[in-house]
N, C-alpha and C. Protein backbone atom coordinates (compact mmCIF):
# COMPACT_ATOMS: atom_id res chain seq x y z
N MET A 1 -80.16 -109.90 -165.31
CA MET A 1 -79.78 -110.58 -166.54
C MET A 1 -80.90 -110.38 -167.60
N LYS A 2 -80.50 -110.17 -168.82
CA LYS A 2 -81.47 -109.88 -169.87
C LYS A 2 -82.06 -111.27 -170.34
N ASP A 3 -83.40 -111.30 -170.53
CA ASP A 3 -84.10 -112.49 -171.01
C ASP A 3 -83.80 -112.64 -172.52
N ILE A 4 -83.43 -113.88 -172.94
CA ILE A 4 -83.14 -114.13 -174.31
C ILE A 4 -83.81 -115.47 -174.72
N ASP A 5 -84.39 -115.55 -175.93
CA ASP A 5 -85.01 -116.74 -176.33
C ASP A 5 -83.96 -117.79 -176.71
N PRO A 6 -84.25 -119.05 -176.70
CA PRO A 6 -83.28 -120.10 -177.00
C PRO A 6 -82.70 -120.00 -178.41
N LEU A 7 -83.44 -119.59 -179.40
CA LEU A 7 -82.91 -119.45 -180.71
C LEU A 7 -81.84 -118.32 -180.82
N SER A 8 -82.12 -117.24 -180.17
CA SER A 8 -81.16 -116.16 -180.16
C SER A 8 -79.89 -116.52 -179.42
N PHE A 9 -80.10 -117.27 -178.30
CA PHE A 9 -78.95 -117.74 -177.51
C PHE A 9 -78.08 -118.69 -178.35
N LEU A 10 -78.58 -119.60 -179.04
CA LEU A 10 -77.79 -120.51 -179.84
C LEU A 10 -77.15 -119.78 -180.97
N LYS A 11 -77.80 -118.83 -181.56
CA LYS A 11 -77.12 -118.03 -182.60
C LYS A 11 -75.92 -117.23 -182.02
N ALA A 12 -76.12 -116.68 -180.86
CA ALA A 12 -75.05 -115.94 -180.20
C ALA A 12 -73.85 -116.89 -179.91
N VAL A 13 -74.15 -118.11 -179.53
CA VAL A 13 -73.07 -119.05 -179.20
C VAL A 13 -72.31 -119.39 -180.52
N TYR A 14 -72.97 -119.76 -181.56
CA TYR A 14 -72.21 -120.19 -182.75
C TYR A 14 -71.54 -119.02 -183.47
N MET A 15 -71.96 -117.78 -183.20
CA MET A 15 -71.31 -116.59 -183.78
C MET A 15 -70.15 -116.11 -182.94
N ASN A 16 -70.03 -116.58 -181.69
CA ASN A 16 -68.95 -116.15 -180.77
C ASN A 16 -67.63 -116.85 -181.10
N ALA A 17 -66.75 -116.11 -181.76
CA ALA A 17 -65.44 -116.67 -182.18
C ALA A 17 -64.51 -117.06 -180.99
N GLU A 18 -64.84 -116.55 -179.82
CA GLU A 18 -64.03 -116.86 -178.65
C GLU A 18 -64.28 -118.21 -178.05
N LEU A 19 -65.42 -118.79 -178.38
CA LEU A 19 -65.74 -120.14 -177.86
C LEU A 19 -65.04 -121.21 -178.71
N PRO A 20 -64.85 -122.39 -178.14
CA PRO A 20 -64.21 -123.46 -178.89
C PRO A 20 -65.10 -123.87 -180.08
N LEU A 21 -64.45 -124.28 -181.16
CA LEU A 21 -65.15 -124.69 -182.37
C LEU A 21 -66.18 -125.75 -182.14
N SER A 22 -65.88 -126.75 -181.28
CA SER A 22 -66.79 -127.81 -181.06
C SER A 22 -68.12 -127.32 -180.43
N VAL A 23 -68.01 -126.33 -179.54
CA VAL A 23 -69.18 -125.78 -178.90
C VAL A 23 -70.04 -125.03 -179.96
N ARG A 24 -69.28 -124.23 -180.75
CA ARG A 24 -69.98 -123.41 -181.80
C ARG A 24 -70.68 -124.36 -182.82
N MET A 25 -70.01 -125.46 -183.23
CA MET A 25 -70.56 -126.36 -184.17
C MET A 25 -71.84 -127.00 -183.61
N ARG A 26 -71.79 -127.43 -182.38
CA ARG A 26 -72.94 -128.06 -181.72
C ARG A 26 -74.13 -127.09 -181.69
N ALA A 27 -73.89 -125.84 -181.36
CA ALA A 27 -74.95 -124.83 -181.35
C ALA A 27 -75.56 -124.65 -182.73
N ALA A 28 -74.67 -124.62 -183.74
CA ALA A 28 -75.12 -124.43 -185.11
C ALA A 28 -75.96 -125.61 -185.54
N ILE A 29 -75.56 -126.86 -185.17
CA ILE A 29 -76.31 -128.05 -185.53
C ILE A 29 -77.69 -128.04 -184.89
N GLU A 30 -77.75 -127.61 -183.64
CA GLU A 30 -79.02 -127.61 -182.88
C GLU A 30 -79.96 -126.57 -183.43
N VAL A 31 -79.49 -125.48 -183.92
CA VAL A 31 -80.33 -124.37 -184.39
C VAL A 31 -80.75 -124.56 -185.89
N LEU A 32 -80.05 -125.39 -186.60
CA LEU A 32 -80.29 -125.61 -188.01
C LEU A 32 -81.72 -125.88 -188.42
N PRO A 33 -82.45 -126.87 -187.74
CA PRO A 33 -83.77 -127.17 -188.16
C PRO A 33 -84.75 -126.01 -187.96
N PHE A 34 -84.39 -125.00 -187.19
CA PHE A 34 -85.29 -123.85 -186.90
C PHE A 34 -85.01 -122.68 -187.88
N THR A 35 -83.86 -122.77 -188.56
CA THR A 35 -83.50 -121.64 -189.45
C THR A 35 -83.59 -122.03 -190.93
N HIS A 36 -83.52 -123.30 -191.25
CA HIS A 36 -83.54 -123.75 -192.65
C HIS A 36 -84.51 -124.87 -192.79
N PRO A 37 -85.55 -124.74 -193.61
CA PRO A 37 -86.50 -125.83 -193.80
C PRO A 37 -85.94 -127.05 -194.43
N LYS A 38 -86.45 -128.22 -194.12
CA LYS A 38 -86.05 -129.45 -194.81
C LYS A 38 -86.67 -129.51 -196.17
N LEU A 39 -85.94 -130.06 -197.10
CA LEU A 39 -86.47 -130.25 -198.41
C LEU A 39 -87.36 -131.49 -198.42
N ALA A 40 -88.50 -131.48 -199.06
CA ALA A 40 -89.38 -132.59 -199.12
C ALA A 40 -90.00 -132.78 -200.44
N VAL A 41 -90.35 -133.98 -200.85
CA VAL A 41 -91.01 -134.25 -202.08
C VAL A 41 -92.47 -134.41 -201.80
N THR A 42 -93.30 -133.73 -202.54
CA THR A 42 -94.74 -133.83 -202.43
C THR A 42 -95.35 -134.08 -203.81
N ALA A 43 -96.39 -134.85 -203.83
CA ALA A 43 -97.11 -135.13 -205.06
C ALA A 43 -98.56 -134.67 -204.91
N VAL A 44 -99.07 -134.00 -205.96
CA VAL A 44 -100.45 -133.59 -205.93
C VAL A 44 -101.18 -134.31 -207.04
N MET A 45 -102.16 -135.02 -206.62
CA MET A 45 -102.94 -135.84 -207.55
C MET A 45 -104.36 -135.20 -207.58
N SER A 46 -104.79 -134.71 -208.72
CA SER A 46 -106.00 -134.07 -208.82
C SER A 46 -107.23 -134.94 -209.00
N GLU A 47 -106.99 -136.01 -209.82
CA GLU A 47 -108.12 -136.92 -210.11
C GLU A 47 -108.43 -137.91 -208.99
N GLN A 48 -107.52 -138.90 -208.86
CA GLN A 48 -107.62 -139.90 -207.87
C GLN A 48 -106.26 -140.14 -207.17
N ASP A 49 -106.29 -141.10 -206.29
CA ASP A 49 -105.02 -141.45 -205.68
C ASP A 49 -104.11 -142.22 -206.66
N PHE A 50 -102.84 -142.38 -206.33
CA PHE A 50 -101.89 -142.94 -207.20
C PHE A 50 -102.26 -144.37 -207.63
N ALA A 51 -102.74 -145.15 -206.73
CA ALA A 51 -103.10 -146.56 -207.02
C ALA A 51 -104.18 -146.64 -208.06
N THR A 52 -105.18 -145.78 -208.01
CA THR A 52 -106.23 -145.77 -208.95
C THR A 52 -105.74 -145.42 -210.33
N VAL A 53 -104.94 -144.39 -210.41
CA VAL A 53 -104.36 -143.98 -211.73
C VAL A 53 -103.48 -145.06 -212.29
N LEU A 54 -102.68 -145.69 -211.42
CA LEU A 54 -101.82 -146.79 -211.91
C LEU A 54 -102.67 -147.94 -212.41
N ASP A 55 -103.67 -148.33 -211.73
CA ASP A 55 -104.52 -149.46 -212.21
C ASP A 55 -105.18 -149.10 -213.55
N ARG A 56 -105.63 -147.85 -213.70
CA ARG A 56 -106.25 -147.45 -214.97
C ARG A 56 -105.25 -147.51 -216.11
N ARG A 57 -104.05 -147.08 -215.85
CA ARG A 57 -102.93 -147.12 -216.90
C ARG A 57 -102.60 -148.61 -217.26
N LEU A 58 -102.49 -149.43 -216.24
CA LEU A 58 -102.16 -150.88 -216.55
C LEU A 58 -103.25 -151.52 -217.31
N LYS A 59 -104.50 -151.17 -217.04
CA LYS A 59 -105.65 -151.75 -217.78
C LYS A 59 -105.59 -151.27 -219.23
N ARG A 60 -105.27 -149.97 -219.43
CA ARG A 60 -105.16 -149.44 -220.79
C ARG A 60 -104.01 -150.10 -221.56
N ILE A 61 -102.91 -150.35 -220.90
CA ILE A 61 -101.75 -151.04 -221.60
C ILE A 61 -102.20 -152.45 -222.00
N GLU A 62 -102.86 -153.16 -221.15
CA GLU A 62 -103.37 -154.49 -221.49
C GLU A 62 -104.34 -154.48 -222.64
N GLU A 63 -105.21 -153.54 -222.68
CA GLU A 63 -106.14 -153.37 -223.79
C GLU A 63 -105.41 -153.13 -225.10
N MET A 64 -104.34 -152.30 -225.03
CA MET A 64 -103.56 -152.00 -226.22
C MET A 64 -102.82 -153.28 -226.73
N ARG A 65 -102.36 -154.11 -225.81
CA ARG A 65 -101.69 -155.36 -226.17
C ARG A 65 -102.66 -156.27 -226.84
N LEU A 66 -103.90 -156.32 -226.39
CA LEU A 66 -104.86 -157.19 -227.03
C LEU A 66 -105.18 -156.71 -228.46
N LEU A 67 -105.17 -155.43 -228.68
CA LEU A 67 -105.39 -154.90 -230.02
C LEU A 67 -104.22 -155.19 -230.97
N GLU A 68 -103.05 -155.40 -230.47
CA GLU A 68 -101.88 -155.65 -231.29
C GLU A 68 -102.02 -156.91 -232.13
N ASN A 69 -102.58 -157.99 -231.54
CA ASN A 69 -102.68 -159.29 -232.19
C ASN A 69 -104.11 -159.68 -232.38
N LYS A 70 -104.89 -158.79 -232.94
CA LYS A 70 -106.31 -158.98 -233.19
C LYS A 70 -106.48 -159.87 -234.49
N VAL A 71 -107.35 -160.87 -234.39
CA VAL A 71 -107.53 -161.76 -235.54
C VAL A 71 -108.75 -161.22 -236.29
N VAL A 72 -108.60 -161.02 -237.65
CA VAL A 72 -109.66 -160.56 -238.55
C VAL A 72 -109.75 -161.57 -239.68
N ASN A 73 -110.93 -162.18 -239.91
CA ASN A 73 -111.21 -163.11 -241.01
C ASN A 73 -110.11 -164.23 -241.09
N GLY A 74 -109.75 -164.78 -239.92
CA GLY A 74 -108.85 -165.90 -239.94
C GLY A 74 -107.37 -165.59 -240.06
N SER A 75 -107.00 -164.37 -240.33
CA SER A 75 -105.59 -164.01 -240.33
C SER A 75 -105.28 -162.97 -239.24
N THR A 76 -104.06 -163.03 -238.73
CA THR A 76 -103.63 -162.16 -237.68
C THR A 76 -103.30 -160.76 -238.25
N THR A 77 -103.85 -159.77 -237.64
CA THR A 77 -103.56 -158.37 -237.97
C THR A 77 -102.74 -157.73 -236.90
N ILE A 78 -101.64 -157.12 -237.21
CA ILE A 78 -100.86 -156.38 -236.21
C ILE A 78 -101.06 -154.93 -236.39
N THR A 79 -101.46 -154.31 -235.34
CA THR A 79 -101.81 -152.87 -235.32
C THR A 79 -100.68 -152.14 -234.71
N CYS A 80 -100.18 -151.01 -235.37
CA CYS A 80 -99.18 -150.18 -234.85
C CYS A 80 -99.78 -149.28 -233.80
N ILE A 81 -99.17 -149.18 -232.64
CA ILE A 81 -99.66 -148.33 -231.55
C ILE A 81 -98.60 -147.26 -231.24
N SER A 82 -99.06 -146.06 -231.22
CA SER A 82 -98.12 -145.00 -230.83
C SER A 82 -97.92 -144.94 -229.35
N ARG A 83 -96.80 -144.44 -228.91
CA ARG A 83 -96.55 -144.38 -227.49
C ARG A 83 -97.43 -143.33 -226.79
N ASN A 84 -97.90 -142.36 -227.55
CA ASN A 84 -98.71 -141.30 -226.95
C ASN A 84 -100.05 -141.84 -226.55
N SER A 85 -100.54 -142.92 -227.04
CA SER A 85 -101.84 -143.44 -226.69
C SER A 85 -101.83 -144.25 -225.45
N ILE A 86 -100.68 -144.59 -224.88
CA ILE A 86 -100.57 -145.41 -223.68
C ILE A 86 -100.70 -144.50 -222.44
């Protein structure tokens, strides 16, 4: 008998039209992780980790809010802040 690796065997099973569909489907399901990679989400942070960047952004937003209602010579001054500065 000819030696065959498990991946080739399962491929031969699911490609064999003479076998019942349930057997072919099971073989195809079993071989799927070895023939098609799973999609995954990855994030690349070059400066620091996510928590550090988030803390820095939140601090910057708080500083911007303090600038909005700054009091000058006894009267309240409202400063316009662009979205690009946040």
